[in-house]
Amino acid sequence: MRIYAARHGQTDMNERNEISGVTDVDLNKTGIRQAKELAEKLAKLSRPPQLVICSDMKRALHTASIAAERLTIPLITDPRLREQDYGRFEGMDRFTPGFLQTKRNFAIRYPGGESMLDTAQRVYTCLDEIIASYADTDLLLVAHGGVLRILRTYFLDMDNDTFFHYTAENAAFETYFLDEKDEVLV
């Protein structure tokens, strides 16, 4: 099994460096171009994905739809792949001091939102089910920066500092290989 994990294309909020979390915004023109480029890269793989599973938020769904159409494969949405709810920080600058402090404290909830551990619980549960249900399928997961940070920890150990600084670029993807014993071969 291969899991290709991609972040959605750029949005206007990304471009302005604003925290979008559960704010449901669509791709901008750059994001659409990035999604098309992602689809072309995936189409050229020796083993392209056979299924797309994505967040049901506009930016991820739009990116995933472009890839699914190009690859002529089915698409499924799963709300557990939604971005973390950053509560009152939604729409603020990404470098807002309180936001960054909370980001370093995994068990503290953003005021009015989720903690990193809340998000990890739903993402890990989703991944467990995906791997059990689609063990013989190479698939593409399209989600969000925070979700991909957590997804990476599902497959690879990361210390807190590496986790804090890890960033998935818009419309970039990583590949996780699972062998027949579900061991990760990155």
Protein backbone atom coordinates (compact mmCIF):
# COMPACT_ATOMS: atom_id res chain seq x y z
CA MET A 1 0.00 0.00 0.00
CA ARG A 2 1.18 3.48 -0.86
CA ILE A 3 -0.35 6.54 0.71
CA TYR A 4 0.30 9.79 -1.09
CA ALA A 5 -0.50 12.61 1.34
CA ALA A 6 -1.01 16.05 -0.20
CA ARG A 7 -1.91 19.45 1.12
CA HIS A 8 -4.54 21.46 -0.74
CA GLY A 9 -3.55 24.22 -3.14
CA GLN A 10 -3.15 27.83 -2.08
CA THR A 11 -6.03 29.97 -0.85
CA ASP A 12 -6.19 33.74 -0.44
CA MET A 13 -5.87 33.22 3.33
CA ASN A 14 -2.69 31.17 2.80
CA GLU A 15 -1.30 33.89 0.59
CA ARG A 16 -2.01 36.51 3.29
CA ASN A 17 -0.50 34.22 5.98
CA GLU A 18 -3.81 34.03 7.84
CA ILE A 19 -4.94 31.13 10.00
CA SER A 20 -7.72 29.38 8.11
CA GLY A 21 -8.33 26.23 10.17
CA VAL A 22 -12.04 25.45 9.84
CA THR A 23 -12.76 28.63 7.87
CA ASP A 24 -14.09 27.03 4.70
CA VAL A 25 -12.42 28.86 1.81
CA ASP A 26 -11.76 27.73 -1.75
CA LEU A 27 -8.60 27.77 -3.82
CA ASN A 28 -7.38 30.93 -5.47
CA LYS A 29 -6.01 30.99 -9.05
CA THR A 30 -2.56 29.95 -7.86
CA GLY A 31 -4.11 27.10 -5.88
CA ILE A 32 -6.00 25.81 -8.91
CA ARG A 33 -2.78 25.86 -10.95
CA GLN A 34 -0.96 24.06 -8.11
CA ALA A 35 -3.70 21.42 -7.93
CA LYS A 36 -3.40 20.78 -11.67
CA GLU A 37 0.39 20.47 -11.34
CA LEU A 38 -0.07 18.04 -8.43
CA ALA A 39 -2.45 15.94 -10.55
CA GLU A 40 0.09 15.80 -13.39
CA LYS A 41 2.89 14.72 -11.02
CA LEU A 42 0.68 11.97 -9.60
CA ALA A 43 -0.32 10.81 -13.09
CA LYS A 44 3.36 10.33 -13.99
CA LEU A 45 4.10 8.05 -11.02
CA SER A 46 4.90 4.41 -11.72
CA ARG A 47 2.10 3.54 -9.28
CA PRO A 48 -0.40 6.40 -9.28
CA PRO A 49 -3.17 6.43 -6.68
CA GLN A 50 -6.30 4.41 -7.35
CA LEU A 51 -8.55 6.32 -4.94
CA VAL A 52 -8.70 9.80 -3.40
CA ILE A 53 -9.86 10.37 0.16
CA CYS A 54 -10.04 13.99 1.26
CA SER A 55 -11.29 16.49 3.75
CA ASP A 56 -14.75 17.78 2.94
CA MET A 57 -13.59 21.40 3.18
CA LYS A 58 -13.70 23.42 -0.08
CA ARG A 59 -9.95 23.89 -0.54
CA ALA A 60 -9.13 20.22 -0.05
CA LEU A 61 -12.13 18.95 -2.00
CA HIS A 62 -11.35 21.23 -4.96
CA THR A 63 -7.71 20.05 -5.01
CA ALA A 64 -8.79 16.41 -4.69
CA SER A 65 -11.43 16.78 -7.42
CA ILE A 66 -8.85 18.08 -9.88
CA ALA A 67 -6.57 15.11 -9.10
CA ALA A 68 -9.39 12.55 -9.22
CA GLU A 69 -10.62 13.87 -12.57
CA ARG A 70 -7.12 13.82 -14.09
CA LEU A 71 -6.44 10.31 -12.77
CA THR A 72 -10.00 9.11 -13.49
CA ILE A 73 -10.34 7.59 -10.02
CA PRO A 74 -13.07 7.74 -7.37
CA LEU A 75 -13.12 10.36 -4.64
CA ILE A 76 -14.42 9.95 -1.08
CA THR A 77 -14.67 12.70 1.53
CA ASP A 78 -14.09 12.21 5.24
CA PRO A 79 -14.76 15.08 7.68
CA ARG A 80 -12.16 13.66 10.09
CA LEU A 81 -9.52 14.99 7.69
CA ARG A 82 -10.69 18.59 8.26
CA GLU A 83 -8.13 21.08 9.47
CA GLN A 84 -7.72 21.70 13.18
CA ASP A 85 -10.19 24.16 14.69
CA TYR A 86 -8.07 27.10 15.82
CA GLY A 87 -10.98 28.78 17.61
CA ARG A 88 -10.64 32.52 18.14
CA PHE A 89 -7.38 32.55 16.13
CA GLU A 90 -9.24 31.85 12.86
CA GLY A 91 -8.49 34.66 10.41
CA MET A 92 -5.58 36.08 12.41
CA ASP A 93 -1.97 36.32 11.28
CA ARG A 94 -0.12 33.01 11.55
CA PHE A 95 2.53 34.63 13.75
CA THR A 96 0.10 35.86 16.40
CA PRO A 97 1.92 35.19 19.71
CA GLY A 98 -0.89 33.30 21.47
CA PHE A 99 -1.36 31.07 18.45
CA LEU A 100 2.28 29.99 18.33
CA GLN A 101 2.39 29.42 22.10
CA THR A 102 -0.66 27.14 21.96
CA LYS A 103 0.79 25.34 18.94
CA ARG A 104 3.72 24.27 21.14
CA ASN A 105 1.40 22.84 23.82
CA PHE A 106 -0.28 19.80 22.33
CA ALA A 107 -2.79 19.21 25.13
CA ILE A 108 -4.05 22.81 25.34
CA ARG A 109 -7.11 23.68 23.29
CA TYR A 110 -7.12 26.84 21.22
CA PRO A 111 -9.75 29.08 22.86
CA GLY A 112 -13.02 27.97 21.27
CA GLY A 113 -11.25 25.28 19.24
CA GLU A 114 -9.37 21.99 19.42
CA SER A 115 -6.09 20.90 20.93
CA MET A 116 -3.49 19.16 18.82
CA LEU A 117 -4.35 15.95 20.72
CA ASP A 118 -8.05 16.33 19.83
CA THR A 119 -7.12 16.61 16.17
CA ALA A 120 -4.64 13.74 16.36
CA GLN A 121 -7.27 11.44 17.85
CA ARG A 122 -9.67 11.94 14.93
CA VAL A 123 -6.91 11.80 12.29
CA TYR A 124 -5.34 8.63 13.77
CA THR A 125 -8.75 6.94 13.96
CA CYS A 126 -9.40 7.88 10.34
CA LEU A 127 -6.01 6.53 9.24
CA ASP A 128 -6.53 3.27 11.15
CA GLU A 129 -9.82 2.75 9.29
CA ILE A 130 -8.40 3.75 5.90
CA ILE A 131 -5.47 1.35 6.22
CA ALA A 132 -7.75 -1.49 7.36
CA SER A 133 -10.31 -0.86 4.61
CA TYR A 134 -8.00 -0.14 1.68
CA ALA A 135 -4.91 -2.24 2.45
CA ASP A 136 -4.53 -3.30 -1.19
CA THR A 137 -5.07 0.16 -2.65
CA ASP A 138 -2.62 2.95 -3.41
CA LEU A 139 -4.41 6.11 -2.44
CA LEU A 140 -4.15 9.86 -2.25
CA LEU A 141 -5.15 11.69 0.92
CA VAL A 142 -5.79 15.41 0.43
CA ALA A 143 -5.98 17.44 3.60
CA HIS A 144 -4.53 20.46 5.37
CA GLY A 145 -1.18 21.55 6.79
CA GLY A 146 -2.02 20.76 10.42
CA VAL A 147 -3.58 17.41 9.51
CA LEU A 148 -0.54 16.45 7.40
CA ARG A 149 1.76 17.33 10.30
CA ILE A 150 -0.22 14.88 12.45
CA LEU A 151 -0.43 12.31 9.65
CA ARG A 152 3.38 12.37 9.44
CA THR A 153 3.62 11.45 13.14
CA TYR A 154 1.38 8.45 12.47
CA PHE A 155 4.11 7.02 10.25
CA LEU A 156 7.30 8.61 11.60
CA ASP A 157 8.52 9.73 15.00
CA MET A 158 9.03 13.49 15.34
CA ASP A 159 10.32 15.36 18.36
CA ASN A 160 8.29 18.35 19.54
CA ASP A 161 10.53 20.96 17.91
CA THR A 162 10.50 19.18 14.55
CA PHE A 163 6.73 18.80 14.80
CA PHE A 164 6.30 22.51 15.59
CA HIS A 165 8.38 23.59 12.59
CA TYR A 166 7.16 21.00 10.07
CA THR A 167 5.29 22.58 7.15
CA ALA A 168 3.62 20.87 4.22
CA GLU A 169 3.75 23.17 1.21
CA ASN A 170 0.58 23.85 -0.77
CA ALA A 171 -0.14 21.07 -3.30
CA ALA A 172 3.00 19.14 -2.34
CA PHE A 173 2.81 15.47 -1.46
CA GLU A 174 4.74 12.89 0.52
CA THR A 175 4.65 9.14 0.04
CA TYR A 176 4.30 6.56 2.79
CA PHE A 177 4.83 2.91 1.85
CA LEU A 178 3.28 0.17 3.96
CA ASP A 179 4.48 -3.37 3.43
CA GLU A 180 2.38 -6.48 3.97
CA LYS A 181 2.99 -6.22 7.74
CA ASP A 182 1.86 -2.54 7.79
CA GLU A 183 5.41 -1.43 8.49
CA VAL A 184 6.30 1.99 7.15
CA LEU A 185 8.86 2.14 4.38
CA VAL A 186 9.27 5.88 3.71
